[in-house]
Amino acid sequence: MNLKFITPKLHGFLDYTAAIALIVMPFLLSLKEHSIFVAWFSIGTGVGLALYSLLTDYQLSILKLLPYKFHLLLDGLASVAFLLVAVLHEGTLASKVYCLTMGMGVIAVILLSQKQARMPATLT
């Protein structure tokens, strides 16, 4: 049983959804009241995610300059950054839970993502 069911196309859709969430959630959750740093870190990460998603070699991008595997590496670095902020930053419990949720969510998406598009089976 293959647990890697997130195709590059679905991953792209999740990327743009996550980018919007990272930009909007700090406002919806009043995250600035808990940690200005975490709020701006989330917004900056969302903008960064949107930008490198637009440059990734998958169906939902514009320029296709970055290999998909490199994109996954950037996702991994973002998740580590969120986890480090959660542990090292002296924010409130709400800002720590937010960072842990974002970091672990990205790790889950990476682990469930196919590393490249599956080639269709050919009849011989």
PDB file of N, CA and C in Angstrom:
ATOM      1  N   MET A   1       0.839  -1.184   0.000  1.00  0.00           N
ATOM      2  CA  MET A   1       0.000   0.000   0.000  1.00  0.00           C
ATOM      3  C   MET A   1       0.884   1.247   0.000  1.00  0.00           C
ATOM      4  N   ASN A   2       0.679   2.092  -0.980  1.00  0.00           N
ATOM      5  CA  ASN A   2       1.479   3.307  -1.093  1.00  0.00           C
ATOM      6  C   ASN A   2       0.754   4.468  -0.407  1.00  0.00           C
ATOM      7  N   LEU A   3       1.376   5.017   0.618  1.00  0.00           N
ATOM      8  CA  LEU A   3       0.772   6.129   1.345  1.00  0.00           C
ATOM      9  C   LEU A   3       1.056   7.477   0.704  1.00  0.00           C
ATOM     10  N   LYS A   4       1.865   7.502  -0.323  1.00  0.00           N
ATOM     11  CA  LYS A   4       2.218   8.760  -0.982  1.00  0.00           C
ATOM     12  C   LYS A   4       1.175   9.070  -2.053  1.00  0.00           C
ATOM     13  N   PHE A   5       0.039   9.571  -1.615  1.00  0.00           N
ATOM     14  CA  PHE A   5      -1.080   9.812  -2.514  1.00  0.00           C
ATOM     15  C   PHE A   5      -1.172  11.260  -2.989  1.00  0.00           C
ATOM     16  N   ILE A   6      -0.327  12.136  -2.468  1.00  0.00           N
ATOM     17  CA  ILE A   6      -0.371  13.533  -2.889  1.00  0.00           C
ATOM     18  C   ILE A   6       0.494  13.685  -4.140  1.00  0.00           C
ATOM     19  N   THR A   7      -0.166  13.857  -5.262  1.00  0.00           N
ATOM     20  CA  THR A   7       0.536  14.028  -6.537  1.00  0.00           C
ATOM     21  C   THR A   7       1.147  15.437  -6.589  1.00  0.00           C
ATOM     22  N   PRO A   8       2.095  15.669  -7.495  1.00  0.00           N
ATOM     23  CA  PRO A   8       2.625  17.027  -7.629  1.00  0.00           C
ATOM     24  C   PRO A   8       1.526  18.063  -7.909  1.00  0.00           C
ATOM     25  N   LYS A   9       0.521  17.687  -8.692  1.00  0.00           N
ATOM     26  CA  LYS A   9      -0.563  18.631  -8.973  1.00  0.00           C
ATOM     27  C   LYS A   9      -1.347  18.957  -7.702  1.00  0.00           C
ATOM     28  N   LEU A  10      -1.697  17.931  -6.922  1.00  0.00           N
ATOM     29  CA  LEU A  10      -2.397  18.158  -5.659  1.00  0.00           C
ATOM     30  C   LEU A  10      -1.511  18.927  -4.692  1.00  0.00           C
ATOM     31  N   HIS A  11      -0.211  18.608  -4.688  1.00  0.00           N
ATOM     32  CA  HIS A  11       0.728  19.328  -3.830  1.00  0.00           C
ATOM     33  C   HIS A  11       0.720  20.819  -4.170  1.00  0.00           C
ATOM     34  N   GLY A  12       0.684  21.123  -5.460  1.00  0.00           N
ATOM     35  CA  GLY A  12       0.630  22.520  -5.885  1.00  0.00           C
ATOM     36  C   GLY A  12      -0.621  23.214  -5.378  1.00  0.00           C
ATOM     37  N   PHE A  13      -1.751  22.541  -5.483  1.00  0.00           N
ATOM     38  CA  PHE A  13      -3.004  23.103  -4.959  1.00  0.00           C
ATOM     39  C   PHE A  13      -2.890  23.350  -3.455  1.00  0.00           C
ATOM     40  N   LEU A  14      -2.328  22.375  -2.736  1.00  0.00           N
ATOM     41  CA  LEU A  14      -2.139  22.534  -1.289  1.00  0.00           C
ATOM     42  C   LEU A  14      -1.172  23.680  -0.976  1.00  0.00           C
ATOM     43  N   ASP A  15      -0.149  23.852  -1.820  1.00  0.00           N
ATOM     44  CA  ASP A  15       0.810  24.946  -1.613  1.00  0.00           C
ATOM     45  C   ASP A  15       0.136  26.312  -1.664  1.00  0.00           C
ATOM     46  N   TYR A  16      -0.667  26.531  -2.690  1.00  0.00           N
ATOM     47  CA  TYR A  16      -1.316  27.838  -2.812  1.00  0.00           C
ATOM     48  C   TYR A  16      -2.349  28.047  -1.709  1.00  0.00           C
ATOM     49  N   THR A  17      -3.027  26.977  -1.315  1.00  0.00           N
ATOM     50  CA  THR A  17      -3.978  27.056  -0.212  1.00  0.00           C
ATOM     51  C   THR A  17      -3.238  27.387   1.087  1.00  0.00           C
ATOM     52  N   ALA A  18      -2.108  26.707   1.309  1.00  0.00           N
ATOM     53  CA  ALA A  18      -1.316  26.960   2.512  1.00  0.00           C
ATOM     54  C   ALA A  18      -0.741  28.373   2.509  1.00  0.00           C
ATOM     55  N   ALA A  19      -0.299  28.843   1.359  1.00  0.00           N
ATOM     56  CA  ALA A  19       0.252  30.199   1.277  1.00  0.00           C
ATOM     57  C   ALA A  19      -0.794  31.227   1.681  1.00  0.00           C
ATOM     58  N   ILE A  20      -2.007  31.056   1.179  1.00  0.00           N
ATOM     59  CA  ILE A  20      -3.090  31.979   1.551  1.00  0.00           C
ATOM     60  C   ILE A  20      -3.370  31.875   3.044  1.00  0.00           C
ATOM     61  N   ALA A  21      -3.411  30.643   3.562  1.00  0.00           N
ATOM     62  CA  ALA A  21      -3.670  30.450   4.994  1.00  0.00           C
ATOM     63  C   ALA A  21      -2.575  31.087   5.850  1.00  0.00           C
ATOM     64  N   LEU A  22      -1.321  30.920   5.458  1.00  0.00           N
ATOM     65  CA  LEU A  22      -0.214  31.501   6.225  1.00  0.00           C
ATOM     66  C   LEU A  22      -0.272  33.021   6.249  1.00  0.00           C
ATOM     67  N   ILE A  23      -0.807  33.606   5.210  1.00  0.00           N
ATOM     68  CA  ILE A  23      -0.922  35.074   5.139  1.00  0.00           C
ATOM     69  C   ILE A  23      -2.153  35.566   5.886  1.00  0.00           C
ATOM     70  N   VAL A  24      -3.241  34.837   5.797  1.00  0.00           N
ATOM     71  CA  VAL A  24      -4.524  35.289   6.360  1.00  0.00           C
ATOM     72  C   VAL A  24      -4.709  34.896   7.825  1.00  0.00           C
ATOM     73  N   MET A  25      -4.257  33.703   8.198  1.00  0.00           N
ATOM     74  CA  MET A  25      -4.509  33.196   9.554  1.00  0.00           C
ATOM     75  C   MET A  25      -4.010  34.112  10.676  1.00  0.00           C
ATOM     76  N   PRO A  26      -2.847  34.760  10.538  1.00  0.00           N
ATOM     77  CA  PRO A  26      -2.435  35.657  11.616  1.00  0.00           C
ATOM     78  C   PRO A  26      -3.450  36.761  11.912  1.00  0.00           C
ATOM     79  N   PHE A  27      -4.165  37.195  10.873  1.00  0.00           N
ATOM     80  CA  PHE A  27      -5.189  38.223  11.073  1.00  0.00           C
ATOM     81  C   PHE A  27      -6.450  37.623  11.687  1.00  0.00           C
ATOM     82  N   LEU A  28      -6.857  36.455  11.181  1.00  0.00           N
ATOM     83  CA  LEU A  28      -8.071  35.813  11.689  1.00  0.00           C
ATOM     84  C   LEU A  28      -7.919  35.364  13.144  1.00  0.00           C
ATOM     85  N   LEU A  29      -6.709  34.952  13.508  1.00  0.00           N
ATOM     86  CA  LEU A  29      -6.456  34.470  14.867  1.00  0.00           C
ATOM     87  C   LEU A  29      -5.930  35.561  15.798  1.00  0.00           C
ATOM     88  N   SER A  30      -5.844  36.794  15.300  1.00  0.00           N
ATOM     89  CA  SER A  30      -5.256  37.904  16.078  1.00  0.00           C
ATOM     90  C   SER A  30      -3.897  37.500  16.647  1.00  0.00           C
ATOM     91  N   LEU A  31      -3.102  36.879  15.802  1.00  0.00           N
ATOM     92  CA  LEU A  31      -1.811  36.345  16.232  1.00  0.00           C
ATOM     93  C   LEU A  31      -0.844  37.431  16.689  1.00  0.00           C
ATOM     94  N   LYS A  32      -1.003  38.651  16.168  1.00  0.00           N
ATOM     95  CA  LYS A  32      -0.126  39.750  16.589  1.00  0.00           C
ATOM     96  C   LYS A  32      -0.255  40.031  18.079  1.00  0.00           C
ATOM     97  N   GLU A  33      -1.426  39.748  18.658  1.00  0.00           N
ATOM     98  CA  GLU A  33      -1.613  39.941  20.103  1.00  0.00           C
ATOM     99  C   GLU A  33      -0.813  38.928  20.911  1.00  0.00           C
ATOM    100  N   HIS A  34      -0.506  37.790  20.293  1.00  0.00           N
ATOM    101  CA  HIS A  34       0.252  36.736  20.960  1.00  0.00           C
ATOM    102  C   HIS A  34       1.740  36.844  20.670  1.00  0.00           C
ATOM    103  N   SER A  35       2.075  37.191  19.432  1.00  0.00           N
ATOM    104  CA  SER A  35       3.476  37.326  19.036  1.00  0.00           C
ATOM    105  C   SER A  35       3.550  38.031  17.684  1.00  0.00           C
ATOM    106  N   ILE A  36       4.054  39.242  17.706  1.00  0.00           N
ATOM    107  CA  ILE A  36       4.234  39.978  16.447  1.00  0.00           C
ATOM    108  C   ILE A  36       5.211  39.230  15.545  1.00  0.00           C
ATOM    109  N   PHE A  37       6.252  38.664  16.157  1.00  0.00           N
ATOM    110  CA  PHE A  37       7.243  37.920  15.371  1.00  0.00           C
ATOM    111  C   PHE A  37       6.598  36.745  14.641  1.00  0.00           C
ATOM    112  N   VAL A  38       5.810  35.940  15.344  1.00  0.00           N
ATOM    113  CA  VAL A  38       5.184  34.771  14.720  1.00  0.00           C
ATOM    114  C   VAL A  38       4.200  35.204  13.635  1.00  0.00           C
ATOM    115  N   ALA A  39       3.463  36.274  13.879  1.00  0.00           N
ATOM    116  CA  ALA A  39       2.523  36.765  12.868  1.00  0.00           C
ATOM    117  C   ALA A  39       3.262  37.134  11.586  1.00  0.00           C
ATOM    118  N   TRP A  40       4.318  37.921  11.701  1.00  0.00           N
ATOM    119  CA  TRP A  40       5.060  38.332  10.505  1.00  0.00           C
ATOM    120  C   TRP A  40       5.848  37.176   9.894  1.00  0.00           C
ATOM    121  N   PHE A  41       6.327  36.254  10.719  1.00  0.00           N
ATOM    122  CA  PHE A  41       7.019  35.067  10.221  1.00  0.00           C
ATOM    123  C   PHE A  41       6.065  34.250   9.349  1.00  0.00           C
ATOM    124  N   SER A  42       4.830  34.083   9.804  1.00  0.00           N
ATOM    125  CA  SER A  42       3.822  33.349   9.046  1.00  0.00           C
ATOM    126  C   SER A  42       3.512  34.045   7.721  1.00  0.00           C
ATOM    127  N   ILE A  43       3.313  35.348   7.773  1.00  0.00           N
ATOM    128  CA  ILE A  43       3.006  36.104   6.557  1.00  0.00           C
ATOM    129  C   ILE A  43       4.170  36.006   5.568  1.00  0.00           C
ATOM    130  N   GLY A  44       5.378  36.196   6.058  1.00  0.00           N
ATOM    131  CA  GLY A  44       6.564  36.103   5.189  1.00  0.00           C
ATOM    132  C   GLY A  44       6.741  34.718   4.597  1.00  0.00           C
ATOM    133  N   THR A  45       6.483  33.707   5.405  1.00  0.00           N
ATOM    134  CA  THR A  45       6.587  32.333   4.915  1.00  0.00           C
ATOM    135  C   THR A  45       5.515  32.056   3.863  1.00  0.00           C
ATOM    136  N   GLY A  46       4.330  32.591   4.061  1.00  0.00           N
ATOM    137  CA  GLY A  46       3.260  32.433   3.070  1.00  0.00           C
ATOM    138  C   GLY A  46       3.616  33.079   1.746  1.00  0.00           C
ATOM    139  N   VAL A  47       4.172  34.274   1.805  1.00  0.00           N
ATOM    140  CA  VAL A  47       4.593  34.956   0.570  1.00  0.00           C
ATOM    141  C   VAL A  47       5.710  34.156  -0.103  1.00  0.00           C
ATOM    142  N   GLY A  48       6.669  33.694   0.697  1.00  0.00           N
ATOM    143  CA  GLY A  48       7.757  32.878   0.148  1.00  0.00           C
ATOM    144  C   GLY A  48       7.252  31.605  -0.507  1.00  0.00           C
ATOM    145  N   LEU A  49       6.325  30.929   0.166  1.00  0.00           N
ATOM    146  CA  LEU A  49       5.747  29.705  -0.388  1.00  0.00           C
ATOM    147  C   LEU A  49       5.051  29.984  -1.719  1.00  0.00           C
ATOM    148  N   ALA A  50       4.294  31.051  -1.786  1.00  0.00           N
ATOM    149  CA  ALA A  50       3.617  31.398  -3.037  1.00  0.00           C
ATOM    150  C   ALA A  50       4.637  31.650  -4.150  1.00  0.00           C
ATOM    151  N   LEU A  51       5.707  32.362  -3.812  1.00  0.00           N
ATOM    152  CA  LEU A  51       6.717  32.685  -4.832  1.00  0.00           C
ATOM    153  C   LEU A  51       7.442  31.446  -5.331  1.00  0.00           C
ATOM    154  N   TYR A  52       7.922  30.579  -4.411  1.00  0.00           N
ATOM    155  CA  TYR A  52       8.657  29.430  -4.925  1.00  0.00           C
ATOM    156  C   TYR A  52       7.720  28.391  -5.539  1.00  0.00           C
ATOM    157  N   SER A  53       6.442  28.427  -5.188  1.00  0.00           N
ATOM    158  CA  SER A  53       5.471  27.558  -5.855  1.00  0.00           C
ATOM    159  C   SER A  53       5.256  28.001  -7.301  1.00  0.00           C
ATOM    160  N   LEU A  54       5.242  29.311  -7.521  1.00  0.00           N
ATOM    161  CA  LEU A  54       5.095  29.834  -8.887  1.00  0.00           C
ATOM    162  C   LEU A  54       6.287  29.474  -9.774  1.00  0.00           C
ATOM    163  N   LEU A  55       7.416  29.143  -9.144  1.00  0.00           N
ATOM    164  CA  LEU A  55       8.649  28.828  -9.875  1.00  0.00           C
ATOM    165  C   LEU A  55       8.958  27.336  -9.944  1.00  0.00           C
ATOM    166  N   THR A  56       8.104  26.499  -9.359  1.00  0.00           N
ATOM    167  CA  THR A  56       8.359  25.060  -9.280  1.00  0.00           C
ATOM    168  C   THR A  56       7.903  24.352 -10.546  1.00  0.00           C
ATOM    169  N   ASP A  57       8.634  23.308 -10.900  1.00  0.00           N
ATOM    170  CA  ASP A  57       8.322  22.524 -12.091  1.00  0.00           C
ATOM    171  C   ASP A  57       7.185  21.541 -11.789  1.00  0.00           C
ATOM    172  N   TYR A  58       5.969  22.097 -11.641  1.00  0.00           N
ATOM    173  CA  TYR A  58       4.763  21.280 -11.579  1.00  0.00           C
ATOM    174  C   TYR A  58       3.628  22.010 -12.263  1.00  0.00           C
ATOM    175  N   GLN A  59       2.493  21.343 -12.430  1.00  0.00           N
ATOM    176  CA  GLN A  59       1.420  21.852 -13.287  1.00  0.00           C
ATOM    177  C   GLN A  59       0.898  23.228 -12.907  1.00  0.00           C
ATOM    178  N   LEU A  60       0.881  23.571 -11.655  1.00  0.00           N
ATOM    179  CA  LEU A  60       0.227  24.809 -11.229  1.00  0.00           C
ATOM    180  C   LEU A  60       1.184  25.992 -11.081  1.00  0.00           C
ATOM    181  N   SER A  61       2.330  25.934 -11.746  1.00  0.00           N
ATOM    182  CA  SER A  61       3.281  27.042 -11.648  1.00  0.00           C
ATOM    183  C   SER A  61       3.305  27.850 -12.937  1.00  0.00           C
ATOM    184  N   ILE A  62       4.108  28.900 -12.915  1.00  0.00           N
ATOM    185  CA  ILE A  62       4.208  29.766 -14.086  1.00  0.00           C
ATOM    186  C   ILE A  62       5.518  29.544 -14.844  1.00  0.00           C
ATOM    187  N   LEU A  63       6.644  29.550 -14.128  1.00  0.00           N
ATOM    188  CA  LEU A  63       7.939  29.520 -14.813  1.00  0.00           C
ATOM    189  C   LEU A  63       8.651  28.174 -14.822  1.00  0.00           C
ATOM    190  N   LYS A  64       8.353  27.288 -13.899  1.00  0.00           N
ATOM    191  CA  LYS A  64       8.942  25.944 -13.859  1.00  0.00           C
ATOM    192  C   LYS A  64      10.474  25.972 -13.835  1.00  0.00           C
ATOM    193  N   LEU A  65      11.030  26.803 -12.971  1.00  0.00           N
ATOM    194  CA  LEU A  65      12.482  26.923 -12.859  1.00  0.00           C
ATOM    195  C   LEU A  65      13.080  26.004 -11.794  1.00  0.00           C
ATOM    196  N   LEU A  66      12.322  25.715 -10.740  1.00  0.00           N
ATOM    197  CA  LEU A  66      12.829  24.899  -9.636  1.00  0.00           C
ATOM    198  C   LEU A  66      12.351  23.460  -9.765  1.00  0.00           C
ATOM    199  N   PRO A  67      13.259  22.493  -9.623  1.00  0.00           N
ATOM    200  CA  PRO A  67      12.811  21.099  -9.634  1.00  0.00           C
ATOM    201  C   PRO A  67      11.871  20.829  -8.456  1.00  0.00           C
ATOM    202  N   TYR A  68      10.932  19.924  -8.670  1.00  0.00           N
ATOM    203  CA  TYR A  68       9.958  19.582  -7.642  1.00  0.00           C
ATOM    204  C   TYR A  68      10.640  19.066  -6.373  1.00  0.00           C
ATOM    205  N   LYS A  69      11.693  18.276  -6.521  1.00  0.00           N
ATOM    206  CA  LYS A  69      12.403  17.761  -5.337  1.00  0.00           C
ATOM    207  C   LYS A  69      13.042  18.906  -4.543  1.00  0.00           C
ATOM    208  N   PHE A  70      13.526  19.933  -5.224  1.00  0.00           N
ATOM    209  CA  PHE A  70      14.069  21.098  -4.526  1.00  0.00           C
ATOM    210  C   PHE A  70      12.949  21.834  -3.783  1.00  0.00           C
ATOM    211  N   HIS A  71      11.781  21.902  -4.398  1.00  0.00           N
ATOM    212  CA  HIS A  71      10.616  22.498  -3.756  1.00  0.00           C
ATOM    213  C   HIS A  71      10.317  21.765  -2.444  1.00  0.00           C
ATOM    214  N   LEU A  72      10.368  20.429  -2.486  1.00  0.00           N
ATOM    215  CA  LEU A  72      10.121  19.645  -1.277  1.00  0.00           C
ATOM    216  C   LEU A  72      11.173  19.931  -0.212  1.00  0.00           C
ATOM    217  N   LEU A  73      12.401  20.155  -0.633  1.00  0.00           N
ATOM    218  CA  LEU A  73      13.459  20.531   0.312  1.00  0.00           C
ATOM    219  C   LEU A  73      13.142  21.877   0.968  1.00  0.00           C
ATOM    220  N   LEU A  74      12.692  22.844   0.176  1.00  0.00           N
ATOM    221  CA  LEU A  74      12.308  24.146   0.733  1.00  0.00           C
ATOM    222  C   LEU A  74      11.143  23.996   1.702  1.00  0.00           C
ATOM    223  N   ASP A  75      10.183  23.129   1.364  1.00  0.00           N
ATOM    224  CA  ASP A  75       9.082  22.849   2.288  1.00  0.00           C
ATOM    225  C   ASP A  75       9.618  22.294   3.605  1.00  0.00           C
ATOM    226  N   GLY A  76      10.577  21.385   3.500  1.00  0.00           N
ATOM    227  CA  GLY A  76      11.177  20.802   4.702  1.00  0.00           C
ATOM    228  C   GLY A  76      11.873  21.850   5.557  1.00  0.00           C
ATOM    229  N   LEU A  77      12.592  22.752   4.913  1.00  0.00           N
ATOM    230  CA  LEU A  77      13.262  23.829   5.658  1.00  0.00           C
ATOM    231  C   LEU A  77      12.245  24.742   6.342  1.00  0.00           C
ATOM    232  N   ALA A  78      11.133  24.999   5.667  1.00  0.00           N
ATOM    233  CA  ALA A  78      10.082  25.824   6.268  1.00  0.00           C
ATOM    234  C   ALA A  78       9.482  25.135   7.481  1.00  0.00           C
ATOM    235  N   SER A  79       9.279  23.825   7.390  1.00  0.00           N
ATOM    236  CA  SER A  79       8.713  23.112   8.536  1.00  0.00           C
ATOM    237  C   SER A  79       9.670  23.133   9.716  1.00  0.00           C
ATOM    238  N   VAL A  80      10.955  22.938   9.458  1.00  0.00           N
ATOM    239  CA  VAL A  80      11.950  22.998  10.533  1.00  0.00           C
ATOM    240  C   VAL A  80      11.966  24.395  11.149  1.00  0.00           C
ATOM    241  N   ALA A  81      11.867  25.408  10.320  1.00  0.00           N
ATOM    242  CA  ALA A  81      11.858  26.788  10.825  1.00  0.00           C
ATOM    243  C   ALA A  81      10.657  27.016  11.744  1.00  0.00           C
ATOM    244  N   PHE A  82       9.469  26.555  11.336  1.00  0.00           N
ATOM    245  CA  PHE A  82       8.291  26.716  12.190  1.00  0.00           C
ATOM    246  C   PHE A  82       8.465  25.974  13.512  1.00  0.00           C
ATOM    247  N   LEU A  83       9.030  24.771  13.461  1.00  0.00           N
ATOM    248  CA  LEU A  83       9.232  24.008  14.693  1.00  0.00           C
ATOM    249  C   LEU A  83      10.259  24.673  15.604  1.00  0.00           C
ATOM    250  N   LEU A  84      11.314  25.217  15.014  1.00  0.00           N
ATOM    251  CA  LEU A  84      12.310  25.938  15.817  1.00  0.00           C
ATOM    252  C   LEU A  84      11.721  27.186  16.449  1.00  0.00           C
ATOM    253  N   VAL A  85      10.913  27.915  15.698  1.00  0.00           N
ATOM    254  CA  VAL A  85      10.268  29.101  16.259  1.00  0.00           C
ATOM    255  C   VAL A  85       9.368  28.696  17.422  1.00  0.00           C
ATOM    256  N   ALA A  86       8.651  27.603  17.269  1.00  0.00           N
ATOM    257  CA  ALA A  86       7.762  27.142  18.342  1.00  0.00           C
ATOM    258  C   ALA A  86       8.542  26.839  19.616  1.00  0.00           C
ATOM    259  N   VAL A  87       9.712  26.250  19.463  1.00  0.00           N
ATOM    260  CA  VAL A  87      10.504  25.836  20.625  1.00  0.00           C
ATOM    261  C   VAL A  87      11.330  26.986  21.201  1.00  0.00           C
ATOM    262  N   LEU A  88      11.908  27.803  20.334  1.00  0.00           N
ATOM    263  CA  LEU A  88      12.860  28.820  20.800  1.00  0.00           C
ATOM    264  C   LEU A  88      12.248  30.183  21.086  1.00  0.00           C
ATOM    265  N   HIS A  89      11.147  30.506  20.427  1.00  0.00           N
ATOM    266  CA  HIS A  89      10.545  31.824  20.587  1.00  0.00           C
ATOM    267  C   HIS A  89       9.736  31.885  21.874  1.00  0.00           C
ATOM    268  N   GLU A  90       9.830  32.987  22.568  1.00  0.00           N
ATOM    269  CA  GLU A  90       9.114  33.150  23.829  1.00  0.00           C
ATOM    270  C   GLU A  90       7.752  33.804  23.604  1.00  0.00           C
ATOM    271  N   GLY A  91       6.929  33.157  22.815  1.00  0.00           N
ATOM    272  CA  GLY A  91       5.581  33.647  22.566  1.00  0.00           C
ATOM    273  C   GLY A  91       4.600  33.021  23.543  1.00  0.00           C
ATOM    274  N   THR A  92       3.346  33.195  23.276  1.00  0.00           N
ATOM    275  CA  THR A  92       2.297  32.608  24.115  1.00  0.00           C
ATOM    276  C   THR A  92       2.061  31.160  23.695  1.00  0.00           C
ATOM    277  N   LEU A  93       1.261  30.469  24.457  1.00  0.00           N
ATOM    278  CA  LEU A  93       0.905  29.098  24.108  1.00  0.00           C
ATOM    279  C   LEU A  93       0.229  29.060  22.731  1.00  0.00           C
ATOM    280  N   ALA A  94      -0.610  30.043  22.450  1.00  0.00           N
ATOM    281  CA  ALA A  94      -1.300  30.094  21.158  1.00  0.00           C
ATOM    282  C   ALA A  94      -0.309  30.216  20.001  1.00  0.00           C
ATOM    283  N   SER A  95       0.706  31.068  20.132  1.00  0.00           N
ATOM    284  CA  SER A  95       1.676  31.226  19.041  1.00  0.00           C
ATOM    285  C   SER A  95       2.534  29.974  18.898  1.00  0.00           C
ATOM    286  N   LYS A  96       2.847  29.303  19.998  1.00  0.00           N
ATOM    287  CA  LYS A  96       3.619  28.059  19.930  1.00  0.00           C
ATOM    288  C   LYS A  96       2.811  26.948  19.267  1.00  0.00           C
ATOM    289  N   VAL A  97       1.541  26.825  19.641  1.00  0.00           N
ATOM    290  CA  VAL A  97       0.678  25.805  19.034  1.00  0.00           C
ATOM    291  C   VAL A  97       0.502  26.082  17.547  1.00  0.00           C
ATOM    292  N   TYR A  98       0.354  27.346  17.186  1.00  0.00           N
ATOM    293  CA  TYR A  98       0.241  27.720  15.773  1.00  0.00           C
ATOM    294  C   TYR A  98       1.477  27.254  15.007  1.00  0.00           C
ATOM    295  N   CYS A  99       2.652  27.549  15.513  1.00  0.00           N
ATOM    296  CA  CYS A  99       3.894  27.167  14.833  1.00  0.00           C
ATOM    297  C   CYS A  99       4.058  25.648  14.776  1.00  0.00           C
ATOM    298  N   LEU A 100       3.738  24.960  15.860  1.00  0.00           N
ATOM    299  CA  LEU A 100       3.821  23.496  15.856  1.00  0.00           C
ATOM    300  C   LEU A 100       2.858  22.897  14.842  1.00  0.00           C
ATOM    301  N   THR A 101       1.653  23.442  14.770  1.00  0.00           N
ATOM    302  CA  THR A 101       0.657  22.956  13.819  1.00  0.00           C
ATOM    303  C   THR A 101       1.126  23.161  12.386  1.00  0.00           C
ATOM    304  N   MET A 102       1.638  24.332  12.088  1.00  0.00           N
ATOM    305  CA  MET A 102       2.116  24.616  10.735  1.00  0.00           C
ATOM    306  C   MET A 102       3.311  23.726  10.390  1.00  0.00           C
ATOM    307  N   GLY A 103       4.256  23.617  11.289  1.00  0.00           N
ATOM    308  CA  GLY A 103       5.437  22.797  11.039  1.00  0.00           C
ATOM    309  C   GLY A 103       5.102  21.337  10.832  1.00  0.00           C
ATOM    310  N   MET A 104       4.259  20.781  11.690  1.00  0.00           N
ATOM    311  CA  MET A 104       3.886  19.372  11.578  1.00  0.00           C
ATOM    312  C   MET A 104       3.001  19.131  10.352  1.00  0.00           C
ATOM    313  N   GLY A 105       2.163  20.107  10.013  1.00  0.00           N
ATOM    314  CA  GLY A 105       1.328  19.979   8.823  1.00  0.00           C
ATOM    315  C   GLY A 105       2.159  19.876   7.561  1.00  0.00           C
ATOM    316  N   VAL A 106       3.201  20.692   7.476  1.00  0.00           N
ATOM    317  CA  VAL A 106       4.080  20.655   6.299  1.00  0.00           C
ATOM    318  C   VAL A 106       4.813  19.318   6.236  1.00  0.00           C
ATOM    319  N   ILE A 107       5.274  18.833   7.384  1.00  0.00           N
ATOM    320  CA  ILE A 107       5.954  17.530   7.407  1.00  0.00           C
ATOM    321  C   ILE A 107       5.015  16.440   6.912  1.00  0.00           C
ATOM    322  N   ALA A 108       3.768  16.470   7.347  1.00  0.00           N
ATOM    323  CA  ALA A 108       2.790  15.468   6.898  1.00  0.00           C
ATOM    324  C   ALA A 108       2.608  15.522   5.384  1.00  0.00           C
ATOM    325  N   VAL A 109       2.494  16.725   4.838  1.00  0.00           N
ATOM    326  CA  VAL A 109       2.320  16.857   3.387  1.00  0.00           C
ATOM    327  C   VAL A 109       3.544  16.328   2.652  1.00  0.00           C
ATOM    328  N   ILE A 110       4.729  16.624   3.140  1.00  0.00           N
ATOM    329  CA  ILE A 110       5.958  16.135   2.498  1.00  0.00           C
ATOM    330  C   ILE A 110       5.983  14.609   2.515  1.00  0.00           C
ATOM    331  N   LEU A 111       5.691  14.018   3.670  1.00  0.00           N
ATOM    332  CA  LEU A 111       5.743  12.558   3.797  1.00  0.00           C
ATOM    333  C   LEU A 111       4.707  11.854   2.923  1.00  0.00           C
ATOM    334  N   LEU A 112       3.597  12.520   2.649  1.00  0.00           N
ATOM    335  CA  LEU A 112       2.533  11.923   1.844  1.00  0.00           C
ATOM    336  C   LEU A 112       2.625  12.290   0.363  1.00  0.00           C
ATOM    337  N   SER A 113       3.627  13.106   0.008  1.00  0.00           N
ATOM    338  CA  SER A 113       3.770  13.565  -1.381  1.00  0.00           C
ATOM    339  C   SER A 113       4.630  12.613  -2.194  1.00  0.00           C
ATOM    340  N   GLN A 114       4.183  12.371  -3.418  1.00  0.00           N
ATOM    341  CA  GLN A 114       5.001  11.621  -4.362  1.00  0.00           C
ATOM    342  C   GLN A 114       6.202  12.484  -4.716  1.00  0.00           C
ATOM    343  N   LYS A 115       7.345  11.869  -4.899  1.00  0.00           N
ATOM    344  CA  LYS A 115       8.566  12.629  -5.176  1.00  0.00           C
ATOM    345  C   LYS A 115       8.671  13.063  -6.630  1.00  0.00           C
ATOM    346  N   GLN A 116       7.908  12.436  -7.489  1.00  0.00           N
ATOM    347  CA  GLN A 116       7.839  12.839  -8.891  1.00  0.00           C
ATOM    348  C   GLN A 116       6.544  12.309  -9.467  1.00  0.00           C
ATOM    349  N   ALA A 117       6.175  12.844 -10.602  1.00  0.00           N
ATOM    350  CA  ALA A 117       4.933  12.408 -11.235  1.00  0.00           C
ATOM    351  C   ALA A 117       5.079  10.949 -11.661  1.00  0.00           C
ATOM    352  N   ARG A 118       4.019  10.184 -11.442  1.00  0.00           N
ATOM    353  CA  ARG A 118       4.031   8.790 -11.862  1.00  0.00           C
ATOM    354  C   ARG A 118       3.847   8.696 -13.369  1.00  0.00           C
ATOM    355  N   MET A 119       4.643   7.865 -13.974  1.00  0.00           N
ATOM    356  CA  MET A 119       4.522   7.660 -15.417  1.00  0.00           C
ATOM    357  C   MET A 119       3.364   6.692 -15.671  1.00  0.00           C
ATOM    358  N   PRO A 120       2.522   6.988 -16.660  1.00  0.00           N
ATOM    359  CA  PRO A 120       1.416   6.074 -16.946  1.00  0.00           C
ATOM    360  C   PRO A 120       1.949   4.742 -17.456  1.00  0.00           C
ATOM    361  N   ALA A 121       1.282   3.687 -17.081  1.00  0.00           N
ATOM    362  CA  ALA A 121       1.690   2.344 -17.541  1.00  0.00           C
ATOM    363  C   ALA A 121       1.419   2.241 -19.043  1.00  0.00           C
ATOM    364  N   THR A 122       2.332   1.611 -19.752  1.00  0.00           N
ATOM    365  CA  THR A 122       2.156   1.433 -21.186  1.00  0.00           C
ATOM    366  C   THR A 122       1.809  -0.016 -21.466  1.00  0.00           C
ATOM    367  N   LEU A 123       1.030  -0.224 -22.473  1.00  0.00           N
ATOM    368  CA  LEU A 123       0.674  -1.584 -22.880  1.00  0.00           C
ATOM    369  C   LEU A 123       1.733  -2.092 -23.843  1.00  0.00           C
ATOM    370  N   THR A 124       2.217  -3.281 -23.576  1.00  0.00           N
ATOM    371  CA  THR A 124       3.223  -3.855 -24.486  1.00  0.00           C
ATOM    372  C   THR A 124       2.740  -5.135 -25.067  1.00  0.00           C
TER     373      THR A 124
END
